[in-house]
N, C-alpha and C. Protein backbone atom coordinates (compact mmCIF):
# COMPACT_ATOMS: atom_id res chain seq x y z
N MET A 1 8.69 -14.43 -10.02
CA MET A 1 7.59 -14.77 -10.15
C MET A 1 6.62 -13.92 -10.66
N SER A 2 6.96 -12.96 -11.61
CA SER A 2 6.79 -11.86 -12.17
C SER A 2 5.16 -12.06 -13.11
N GLU A 3 5.59 -13.39 -13.39
CA GLU A 3 4.00 -13.65 -14.27
C GLU A 3 2.86 -13.70 -13.47
N ILE A 4 2.69 -13.56 -12.39
CA ILE A 4 1.42 -13.62 -11.57
C ILE A 4 1.05 -11.89 -11.27
N TRP A 5 1.75 -11.20 -11.49
CA TRP A 5 1.21 -9.71 -11.07
C TRP A 5 0.69 -9.26 -12.51
N PRO A 6 -0.60 -8.34 -12.21
CA PRO A 6 -1.15 -7.95 -13.54
C PRO A 6 -0.48 -7.06 -14.39
N LYS A 7 -0.75 -7.25 -15.93
CA LYS A 7 0.10 -6.73 -16.48
C LYS A 7 -0.71 -5.39 -17.20
N LYS A 8 -2.20 -5.28 -17.11
CA LYS A 8 -2.58 -4.22 -17.53
C LYS A 8 -3.51 -3.64 -16.15
N TYR A 9 -4.18 -2.38 -16.75
CA TYR A 9 -4.64 -1.67 -15.67
C TYR A 9 -5.93 -2.15 -15.21
N GLU A 10 -6.84 -2.50 -16.03
CA GLU A 10 -8.10 -3.05 -16.00
C GLU A 10 -8.11 -4.41 -15.22
N GLU A 11 -7.23 -5.11 -15.18
CA GLU A 11 -7.07 -6.37 -14.49
C GLU A 11 -6.53 -6.10 -13.35
N LEU A 12 -5.45 -5.11 -12.86
CA LEU A 12 -5.63 -4.66 -11.63
C LEU A 12 -6.77 -4.19 -10.69
N VAL A 13 -7.75 -3.30 -11.41
CA VAL A 13 -8.74 -2.72 -10.91
C VAL A 13 -9.83 -3.68 -10.75
N SER A 14 -10.15 -4.90 -11.55
CA SER A 14 -10.80 -6.04 -11.38
C SER A 14 -10.86 -6.29 -9.94
N PHE A 15 -10.02 -6.51 -9.26
CA PHE A 15 -9.67 -6.79 -8.01
C PHE A 15 -10.47 -5.78 -6.91
N ALA A 16 -10.60 -4.53 -7.17
CA ALA A 16 -11.10 -3.52 -6.58
C ALA A 16 -12.31 -4.02 -5.57
N GLU A 17 -11.79 -3.88 -4.01
CA GLU A 17 -13.09 -4.09 -3.25
C GLU A 17 -14.26 -3.36 -3.19
N ASP A 18 -13.63 -1.92 -3.16
CA ASP A 18 -14.61 -0.73 -3.26
C ASP A 18 -14.29 0.11 -4.41
N LYS A 19 -15.24 0.14 -5.41
CA LYS A 19 -15.05 1.05 -6.41
C LYS A 19 -16.14 2.31 -6.37
N HIS A 20 -15.67 3.21 -5.46
CA HIS A 20 -17.08 4.19 -5.06
C HIS A 20 -16.72 5.42 -4.62
N THR A 21 -17.34 6.16 -4.35
CA THR A 21 -16.96 7.21 -4.01
C THR A 21 -17.43 7.35 -2.27
N ASN A 22 -16.85 6.76 -1.38
CA ASN A 22 -17.38 6.62 -0.23
C ASN A 22 -16.61 7.52 0.59
N PRO A 23 -16.89 8.00 2.02
CA PRO A 23 -16.30 8.82 2.70
C PRO A 23 -14.99 8.22 3.54
N ILE A 24 -14.82 7.12 3.54
CA ILE A 24 -13.86 6.22 4.12
C ILE A 24 -13.59 5.10 3.62
N TYR A 25 -12.25 4.89 3.55
CA TYR A 25 -11.52 3.48 3.04
C TYR A 25 -10.93 3.00 4.36
N VAL A 26 -11.17 1.79 4.79
CA VAL A 26 -10.13 1.04 5.57
C VAL A 26 -9.25 -0.01 5.23
N SER A 27 -8.45 0.18 5.47
CA SER A 27 -7.21 -1.23 5.28
C SER A 27 -7.02 -1.64 6.34
N LYS A 28 -7.23 -2.75 6.83
CA LYS A 28 -7.04 -3.61 8.25
C LYS A 28 -6.43 -4.96 8.23
N GLU A 29 -5.14 -5.18 8.78
CA GLU A 29 -4.55 -6.25 8.93
C GLU A 29 -3.68 -6.11 10.23
N ASN A 30 -3.20 -7.38 10.65
CA ASN A 30 -2.26 -7.20 11.86
C ASN A 30 -2.09 -6.34 12.75
N HIS A 31 -3.43 -6.48 12.88
CA HIS A 31 -3.80 -5.62 14.34
C HIS A 31 -3.72 -3.95 14.08
N CYS A 32 -3.39 -3.69 12.84
CA CYS A 32 -2.80 -2.52 12.25
C CYS A 32 -3.85 -2.06 11.10
N GLU A 33 -4.09 -0.60 11.06
CA GLU A 33 -5.35 -0.09 10.55
C GLU A 33 -4.97 1.33 9.75
N HIS A 34 -5.02 1.73 8.27
CA HIS A 34 -5.02 2.93 7.81
C HIS A 34 -6.40 3.31 7.55
N ARG A 35 -6.62 4.43 7.53
CA ARG A 35 -7.93 4.86 7.40
C ARG A 35 -7.92 6.21 6.23
N ALA A 36 -8.46 6.11 4.99
CA ALA A 36 -8.12 6.70 4.14
C ALA A 36 -9.52 7.95 4.20
N ILE A 37 -9.55 9.03 4.22
CA ILE A 37 -10.54 9.82 4.27
C ILE A 37 -10.94 10.61 3.15
N ASN A 38 -12.18 10.43 2.44
CA ASN A 38 -12.36 10.83 1.06
C ASN A 38 -13.56 11.98 1.11
N ASN A 39 -12.99 13.08 1.84
CA ASN A 39 -13.83 14.34 1.87
C ASN A 39 -14.48 14.55 0.36
N ASP A 40 -13.71 14.81 -0.36
CA ASP A 40 -14.17 15.23 -1.70
C ASP A 40 -15.18 14.40 -2.72
N ARG A 41 -15.09 13.20 -1.92
CA ARG A 41 -15.79 12.27 -2.83
C ARG A 41 -15.32 11.77 -4.13
N ASP A 42 -13.85 11.54 -4.18
CA ASP A 42 -13.67 10.97 -5.20
C ASP A 42 -13.61 9.86 -5.72
N TYR A 43 -13.52 9.46 -6.99
CA TYR A 43 -13.58 8.04 -7.28
C TYR A 43 -12.35 7.12 -6.70
N ILE A 44 -12.33 5.88 -6.21
CA ILE A 44 -11.56 5.44 -5.19
C ILE A 44 -11.55 3.98 -5.45
N ASN A 45 -10.58 3.31 -6.10
CA ASN A 45 -10.52 1.74 -6.32
C ASN A 45 -9.65 1.00 -4.98
N HIS A 46 -10.10 0.55 -4.23
CA HIS A 46 -9.61 -0.32 -3.02
C HIS A 46 -9.25 -1.55 -3.27
N ILE A 47 -7.95 -1.78 -3.09
CA ILE A 47 -7.52 -3.25 -3.80
C ILE A 47 -6.58 -3.91 -2.65
N LYS A 48 -6.89 -5.43 -2.23
CA LYS A 48 -6.13 -5.87 -1.26
C LYS A 48 -5.44 -6.92 -2.58
N ILE A 49 -3.72 -6.19 -2.25
CA ILE A 49 -2.99 -7.13 -3.03
C ILE A 49 -2.75 -8.38 -2.43
N ASP A 50 -2.30 -8.57 -1.07
CA ASP A 50 -2.14 -9.81 -0.40
C ASP A 50 -3.07 -10.45 -0.03
N GLY A 51 -3.26 -11.67 -1.05
CA GLY A 51 -4.45 -12.69 -0.81
C GLY A 51 -5.40 -12.21 -1.69
N GLU A 52 -5.27 -11.67 -2.63
CA GLU A 52 -6.57 -11.52 -3.69
C GLU A 52 -5.47 -11.27 -4.99
N VAL A 53 -5.04 -10.10 -5.45
CA VAL A 53 -4.36 -9.97 -6.64
C VAL A 53 -3.19 -11.00 -6.60
N ILE A 54 -2.44 -11.27 -5.44
CA ILE A 54 -1.20 -11.99 -5.27
C ILE A 54 -1.80 -13.05 -4.19
N PRO A 55 -2.03 -14.12 -4.55
CA PRO A 55 -2.78 -15.38 -3.80
C PRO A 55 -1.96 -15.51 -2.52
N LYS A 56 -2.17 -15.85 -1.39
CA LYS A 56 -1.50 -16.40 -0.12
C LYS A 56 -0.44 -17.50 -0.31
N VAL A 57 -1.00 -18.21 -1.47
CA VAL A 57 -0.31 -19.55 -1.69
C VAL A 57 1.13 -19.17 -2.37
N CYS A 58 1.50 -18.25 -2.91
CA CYS A 58 2.57 -17.46 -3.53
C CYS A 58 3.44 -16.72 -2.49
N ARG A 59 3.88 -17.41 -1.27
CA ARG A 59 4.76 -17.28 -0.32
C ARG A 59 5.97 -16.71 -0.58
N ASP A 60 6.65 -16.86 -1.64
CA ASP A 60 7.99 -16.35 -2.16
C ASP A 60 7.70 -14.99 -2.90
N THR A 61 6.51 -14.64 -3.05
CA THR A 61 6.58 -13.12 -3.78
C THR A 61 6.34 -12.19 -2.74
N LYS A 62 7.09 -11.49 -2.85
CA LYS A 62 6.93 -9.81 -1.63
C LYS A 62 5.87 -9.22 -2.40
N ARG A 63 4.77 -8.60 -1.15
CA ARG A 63 4.07 -7.67 -2.00
C ARG A 63 3.60 -7.25 -0.64
N THR A 64 3.01 -5.92 -0.71
CA THR A 64 2.25 -5.04 0.06
C THR A 64 0.96 -5.60 0.52
N ASP A 65 0.25 -5.14 1.54
CA ASP A 65 -1.25 -5.77 1.61
C ASP A 65 -2.32 -4.68 0.80
N PHE A 66 -2.02 -3.73 1.00
CA PHE A 66 -3.32 -2.85 -0.28
C PHE A 66 -2.86 -1.84 -0.92
N LEU A 67 -3.53 -1.46 -2.08
CA LEU A 67 -3.37 -0.56 -3.22
C LEU A 67 -4.51 0.26 -3.08
N LEU A 68 -4.57 1.44 -2.65
CA LEU A 68 -5.81 2.41 -2.75
C LEU A 68 -5.32 3.49 -3.91
N LEU A 69 -6.30 3.60 -4.97
CA LEU A 69 -6.40 4.39 -6.01
C LEU A 69 -7.21 5.48 -6.13
N ASN A 70 -6.59 6.45 -5.97
CA ASN A 70 -7.54 7.75 -5.97
C ASN A 70 -7.70 8.09 -7.59
N GLU A 71 -8.69 7.82 -8.33
CA GLU A 71 -8.59 7.79 -9.44
C GLU A 71 -9.00 9.39 -9.95
N THR A 72 -9.60 10.16 -9.21
CA THR A 72 -9.62 11.50 -9.43
C THR A 72 -8.44 12.36 -9.37
N LYS A 73 -7.53 12.16 -8.51
CA LYS A 73 -6.34 12.80 -8.28
C LYS A 73 -5.15 12.22 -8.96
N LYS A 74 -5.30 10.58 -9.16
CA LYS A 74 -4.01 10.01 -9.83
C LYS A 74 -3.04 9.52 -9.02
N THR A 75 -3.61 9.39 -8.02
CA THR A 75 -2.60 9.30 -6.59
C THR A 75 -2.65 7.60 -6.33
N ALA A 76 -1.80 6.96 -6.16
CA ALA A 76 -1.68 5.56 -5.73
C ALA A 76 -1.18 5.55 -4.57
N TYR A 77 -1.60 4.51 -3.36
CA TYR A 77 -1.04 4.45 -2.02
C TYR A 77 -0.88 2.93 -1.88
N LEU A 78 0.32 2.86 -1.72
CA LEU A 78 0.99 1.51 -1.56
C LEU A 78 0.66 1.48 0.19
N ILE A 79 0.06 0.29 0.64
CA ILE A 79 -0.14 0.32 2.18
C ILE A 79 0.45 -1.26 2.73
N GLU A 80 1.45 -0.63 3.52
CA GLU A 80 1.77 -2.37 4.36
C GLU A 80 1.55 -2.09 5.75
N LEU A 81 0.86 -3.25 6.25
CA LEU A 81 0.40 -3.02 7.76
C LEU A 81 1.31 -3.81 8.33
N LYS A 82 2.08 -3.72 9.23
CA LYS A 82 3.24 -4.44 9.94
C LYS A 82 2.73 -4.59 11.52
N GLY A 83 3.09 -6.11 11.93
CA GLY A 83 3.00 -5.87 13.40
C GLY A 83 4.54 -6.02 13.68
N SER A 84 5.26 -6.39 13.04
CA SER A 84 6.84 -6.19 13.44
C SER A 84 7.71 -6.67 12.14
N HIS A 85 9.02 -6.72 11.81
CA HIS A 85 9.67 -6.91 11.00
C HIS A 85 9.45 -5.67 9.74
N ILE A 86 9.88 -4.83 10.54
CA ILE A 86 9.85 -3.54 9.67
C ILE A 86 11.02 -3.43 8.28
N LYS A 87 11.73 -4.26 8.77
CA LYS A 87 12.78 -4.17 7.23
C LYS A 87 12.17 -5.13 6.41
N ASP A 88 11.34 -5.73 6.54
CA ASP A 88 10.48 -6.51 5.15
C ASP A 88 9.52 -5.51 4.49
N ALA A 89 9.03 -4.54 5.40
CA ALA A 89 7.74 -4.09 4.61
C ALA A 89 8.87 -2.78 3.30
N PHE A 90 10.06 -2.55 3.57
CA PHE A 90 11.16 -1.61 2.69
C PHE A 90 10.61 -2.45 1.13
N GLU A 91 11.06 -3.91 1.61
CA GLU A 91 11.34 -4.91 0.16
C GLU A 91 9.93 -5.17 0.03
N GLN A 92 8.68 -5.10 0.47
CA GLN A 92 7.61 -5.21 0.01
C GLN A 92 6.99 -3.85 -0.45
N LEU A 93 7.24 -3.02 -0.42
CA LEU A 93 7.01 -1.80 -0.97
C LEU A 93 7.60 -1.59 -2.40
N GLU A 94 8.98 -1.98 -2.41
CA GLU A 94 9.64 -1.79 -3.62
C GLU A 94 9.33 -2.76 -4.64
N VAL A 95 9.06 -3.94 -4.10
CA VAL A 95 8.82 -4.91 -5.05
C VAL A 95 7.18 -4.81 -5.73
N THR A 96 6.36 -4.24 -4.78
CA THR A 96 5.26 -4.06 -5.53
C THR A 96 5.55 -2.77 -6.49
N ASP A 97 5.76 -1.58 -5.73
CA ASP A 97 6.28 -0.33 -6.58
C ASP A 97 6.63 -0.91 -8.24
N ARG A 98 7.90 -1.94 -8.04
CA ARG A 98 8.48 -2.06 -9.48
C ARG A 98 7.61 -2.97 -10.23
N HIS A 99 6.68 -3.64 -9.71
CA HIS A 99 5.74 -4.34 -10.69
C HIS A 99 4.34 -3.63 -11.09
N LEU A 100 3.98 -2.64 -10.26
CA LEU A 100 3.05 -1.81 -10.65
C LEU A 100 3.39 -0.96 -11.28
N LYS A 101 4.38 -0.24 -11.16
CA LYS A 101 4.90 0.99 -12.14
C LYS A 101 4.50 1.06 -13.73
N PRO A 102 4.70 0.15 -14.21
CA PRO A 102 3.85 0.00 -15.74
C PRO A 102 2.55 0.26 -15.66
N ILE A 103 1.85 -0.18 -14.86
CA ILE A 103 0.56 -0.38 -14.97
C ILE A 103 -0.16 1.57 -14.32
N LEU A 104 0.40 2.01 -13.62
CA LEU A 104 0.16 3.01 -12.83
C LEU A 104 1.01 4.25 -13.32
N LYS A 105 1.36 4.53 -14.55
CA LYS A 105 1.96 5.53 -15.46
C LYS A 105 0.61 6.72 -15.21
N GLY A 106 1.25 7.88 -14.91
CA GLY A 106 0.92 8.99 -14.48
C GLY A 106 0.02 9.21 -13.10
N TYR A 107 0.40 8.36 -12.45
CA TYR A 107 -0.14 8.27 -10.92
C TYR A 107 1.07 8.70 -10.04
N SER A 108 0.96 9.62 -8.95
CA SER A 108 1.73 9.70 -7.88
C SER A 108 1.70 8.34 -7.13
N VAL A 109 2.46 7.88 -6.83
CA VAL A 109 2.85 6.76 -6.07
C VAL A 109 2.99 7.08 -4.41
N GLN A 110 2.50 6.95 -3.64
CA GLN A 110 2.91 7.32 -2.26
C GLN A 110 2.85 5.94 -1.44
N TRP A 111 3.83 6.06 -0.62
CA TRP A 111 4.40 4.39 0.36
C TRP A 111 3.77 4.80 1.65
N ARG A 112 3.18 3.82 2.20
CA ARG A 112 2.72 3.64 3.72
C ARG A 112 3.06 2.48 4.42
N ILE A 113 3.74 2.66 5.68
CA ILE A 113 3.73 1.41 6.38
C ILE A 113 3.31 1.76 7.72
N ILE A 114 2.21 1.29 8.15
CA ILE A 114 1.55 1.43 9.31
C ILE A 114 1.89 0.31 10.52
N TYR A 115 2.47 0.30 11.84
CA TYR A 115 2.91 -0.76 12.65
C TYR A 115 2.37 -0.27 13.60
N HIS A 116 2.17 -1.34 14.77
CA HIS A 116 1.57 -1.66 16.13
C HIS A 116 2.71 -1.66 16.95
N SER A 117 3.81 -2.55 16.66
CA SER A 117 4.58 -3.07 17.68
C SER A 117 5.15 -1.98 18.29
N ARG A 118 5.34 -2.26 19.81
CA ARG A 118 6.24 -1.16 20.46
C ARG A 118 7.77 -1.39 20.23
N THR A 119 7.92 -2.36 19.86
CA THR A 119 9.42 -2.85 19.69
C THR A 119 10.16 -2.61 18.50
N ILE A 120 9.43 -1.63 17.50
CA ILE A 120 9.98 -1.58 16.51
C ILE A 120 10.94 -0.14 16.66
N ARG A 121 12.06 -0.34 16.64
CA ARG A 121 12.88 0.71 16.43
C ARG A 121 12.85 1.73 15.12
N MET A 122 12.19 2.85 15.30
CA MET A 122 11.93 3.89 14.16
C MET A 122 12.89 4.91 13.82
N ARG A 123 14.11 5.06 14.80
CA ARG A 123 15.15 5.48 14.64
C ARG A 123 16.34 5.12 14.20
N THR A 124 16.54 4.03 13.63
CA THR A 124 17.51 2.98 12.82
C THR A 124 18.22 4.09 11.92
N ASN A 125 19.70 3.61 11.48
CA ASN A 125 20.02 4.24 10.40
C ASN A 125 19.52 3.44 9.49
N GLU A 126 19.18 2.24 9.39
CA GLU A 126 18.35 1.71 7.82
C GLU A 126 16.96 2.65 7.59
N VAL A 127 16.06 2.65 8.81
CA VAL A 127 14.76 3.16 8.39
C VAL A 127 15.06 4.72 7.98
N ASN A 128 16.03 5.77 8.70
CA ASN A 128 16.12 6.71 8.22
C ASN A 128 16.98 6.82 6.55
N GLN A 129 17.43 5.90 6.36
CA GLN A 129 17.98 6.06 4.86
C GLN A 129 16.92 5.65 4.16
N TYR A 130 15.92 4.85 4.43
CA TYR A 130 14.75 4.97 3.59
C TYR A 130 14.19 5.50 3.52
N ARG A 131 13.87 6.43 4.35
CA ARG A 131 12.81 8.03 4.35
C ARG A 131 13.67 9.05 3.94
N ARG A 132 14.84 9.30 3.43
CA ARG A 132 15.80 9.63 2.58
C ARG A 132 15.79 9.34 1.26
N LYS A 133 15.46 8.28 0.92
CA LYS A 133 15.63 7.56 -0.19
C LYS A 133 14.00 7.76 -0.75
N TYR A 134 13.13 7.70 -0.26
CA TYR A 134 12.09 7.83 -0.70
C TYR A 134 11.05 8.43 0.14
N PRO A 135 10.98 9.90 -0.61
CA PRO A 135 10.44 11.01 0.05
C PRO A 135 8.54 10.70 -0.24
N CYS A 136 8.56 9.55 -0.62
CA CYS A 136 6.89 9.42 -0.80
C CYS A 136 6.35 8.21 0.33
N LEU A 137 7.43 7.91 1.31
CA LEU A 137 7.06 7.10 2.56
C LEU A 137 6.75 7.55 3.67
N ILE A 138 6.04 7.47 4.41
CA ILE A 138 5.65 7.84 5.27
C ILE A 138 5.12 6.33 6.36
N ILE A 139 6.18 6.39 7.87
CA ILE A 139 5.90 5.35 8.75
C ILE A 139 4.94 5.81 10.05
N HIS A 140 4.02 5.04 10.33
CA HIS A 140 3.28 5.57 11.07
C HIS A 140 2.62 4.61 12.07
N ASN A 141 2.59 4.72 13.19
CA ASN A 141 1.81 4.28 14.38
C ASN A 141 0.23 3.71 14.04
N THR A 142 -0.14 2.99 14.13
CA THR A 142 -1.67 2.33 14.02
C THR A 142 -2.42 3.09 14.88
N PRO A 143 -3.63 3.54 14.87
CA PRO A 143 -4.13 3.83 13.27
C PRO A 143 -3.45 5.06 12.72
N MET A 144 -3.67 4.75 11.35
CA MET A 144 -3.02 6.11 10.54
C MET A 144 -4.27 6.53 9.81
N GLU A 145 -4.69 7.91 9.93
CA GLU A 145 -5.67 8.62 9.34
C GLU A 145 -5.17 9.44 8.33
N GLU A 146 -5.55 9.40 7.44
CA GLU A 146 -5.20 10.61 6.29
C GLU A 146 -6.04 11.03 5.33
N HIS A 147 -6.20 12.17 4.83
CA HIS A 147 -7.46 12.45 3.77
C HIS A 147 -6.24 12.65 2.70
N ILE A 148 -7.26 11.96 1.44
CA ILE A 148 -7.05 11.38 0.12
C ILE A 148 -7.43 12.22 -0.54
């Protein structure tokens, strides 16, 4: 279903919720929260991938929840907010990254998984393999706050 993904940067950013220099951007879902602190007041595009760029009716298409683009620093954050099923998050990040990579040339792409479930085991071999394979990946319990 790659035809539902945006093909051009302009098409992707047309979905931006915030196109400003706000001091904070919050991505929230599944009782999880990612707070991006924008102390430098960089130009940011905050985009909801799941439900906006990719409609909810496209259930068979894996995708992350949010994309945060720091246009000033050319950094893209793929954000997956997980209540459980941490293994699904890895595939969602990989698929989203693969589809958006041609559009985001020149951006440093960072992956974030924010979870809230106490039952998620973060020290499994599979999780450790993903952390080694993708140094851009940070997995954090909710809420996660970072300076962008």
